[in-house]
Amino acid sequence: MQSLAITEDKGIRVLSTQQLADGYETDKKIISNNFNRSLTSCKIFKDRKSLAGV
């Protein structure tokens, strides 16, 4: 995995969908699909944030 750029939002480090896809050597659509499927069954995402355009 290549070095990731540090991105922060209000002091919290975040990873973009593209960064995750690059890290797992997959397409960002796969990451999005997996995330959306997990939303319905996992309560850990209740405090998720959307950083559109970052």
Protein backbone atom coordinates (compact mmCIF):
# COMPACT_ATOMS: atom_id res chain seq x y z
CA MET A 1 0.00 0.00 0.00
CA GLN A 2 1.28 3.42 -0.87
CA SER A 3 1.51 6.21 1.66
CA LEU A 4 -1.91 7.75 2.34
CA ALA A 5 -2.49 11.48 2.36
CA ILE A 6 -3.68 12.68 5.74
CA THR A 7 -7.13 14.21 5.48
CA GLU A 8 -8.88 15.67 8.52
CA ASP A 9 -12.35 16.98 9.18
CA LYS A 10 -12.76 18.92 12.43
CA GLY A 11 -9.65 17.23 13.83
CA ILE A 12 -10.75 13.68 12.91
CA ARG A 13 -8.67 11.72 10.41
CA VAL A 14 -10.72 10.31 7.55
CA LEU A 15 -10.16 8.14 4.49
CA SER A 16 -11.94 8.70 1.21
CA THR A 17 -13.62 5.92 -0.71
CA GLN A 18 -10.89 6.21 -3.34
CA GLN A 19 -8.13 5.88 -0.72
CA LEU A 20 -9.76 2.73 0.65
CA ALA A 21 -10.17 1.31 -2.85
CA ASP A 22 -6.51 2.01 -3.65
CA GLY A 23 -5.41 0.40 -0.39
CA TYR A 24 -7.43 -2.76 -1.05
CA GLU A 25 -6.58 -2.72 -4.77
CA THR A 26 -10.21 -2.66 -5.83
CA ASP A 27 -12.71 -0.30 -7.42
CA LYS A 28 -14.31 2.44 -5.34
CA LYS A 29 -17.75 1.14 -6.39
CA ILE A 30 -16.99 -2.12 -4.51
CA ILE A 31 -16.13 -0.13 -1.35
CA SER A 32 -19.35 1.89 -1.68
CA ASN A 33 -21.47 -1.22 -2.24
CA ASN A 34 -19.98 -2.98 0.79
CA PHE A 35 -20.47 0.10 2.96
CA ASN A 36 -24.10 0.53 1.89
CA ARG A 37 -24.87 -3.15 2.55
CA SER A 38 -23.34 -2.82 6.02
CA LEU A 39 -25.44 0.23 6.92
CA THR A 40 -28.55 -1.86 7.41
CA SER A 41 -26.95 -4.48 9.66
CA CYS A 42 -24.28 -2.66 11.65
CA LYS A 43 -24.89 0.03 14.28
CA ILE A 44 -21.26 1.21 14.20
CA PHE A 45 -22.17 3.45 11.26
CA LYS A 46 -24.75 5.46 13.20
CA ASP A 47 -22.27 8.36 13.54
CA ARG A 48 -20.91 8.20 10.00
CA LYS A 49 -20.10 11.38 8.16
CA SER A 50 -20.35 12.22 4.50
CA LEU A 51 -17.58 14.47 3.21
CA ALA A 52 -18.72 15.04 -0.36
CA GLY A 53 -16.13 16.61 -2.59
CA VAL A 54 -13.16 16.11 -0.26
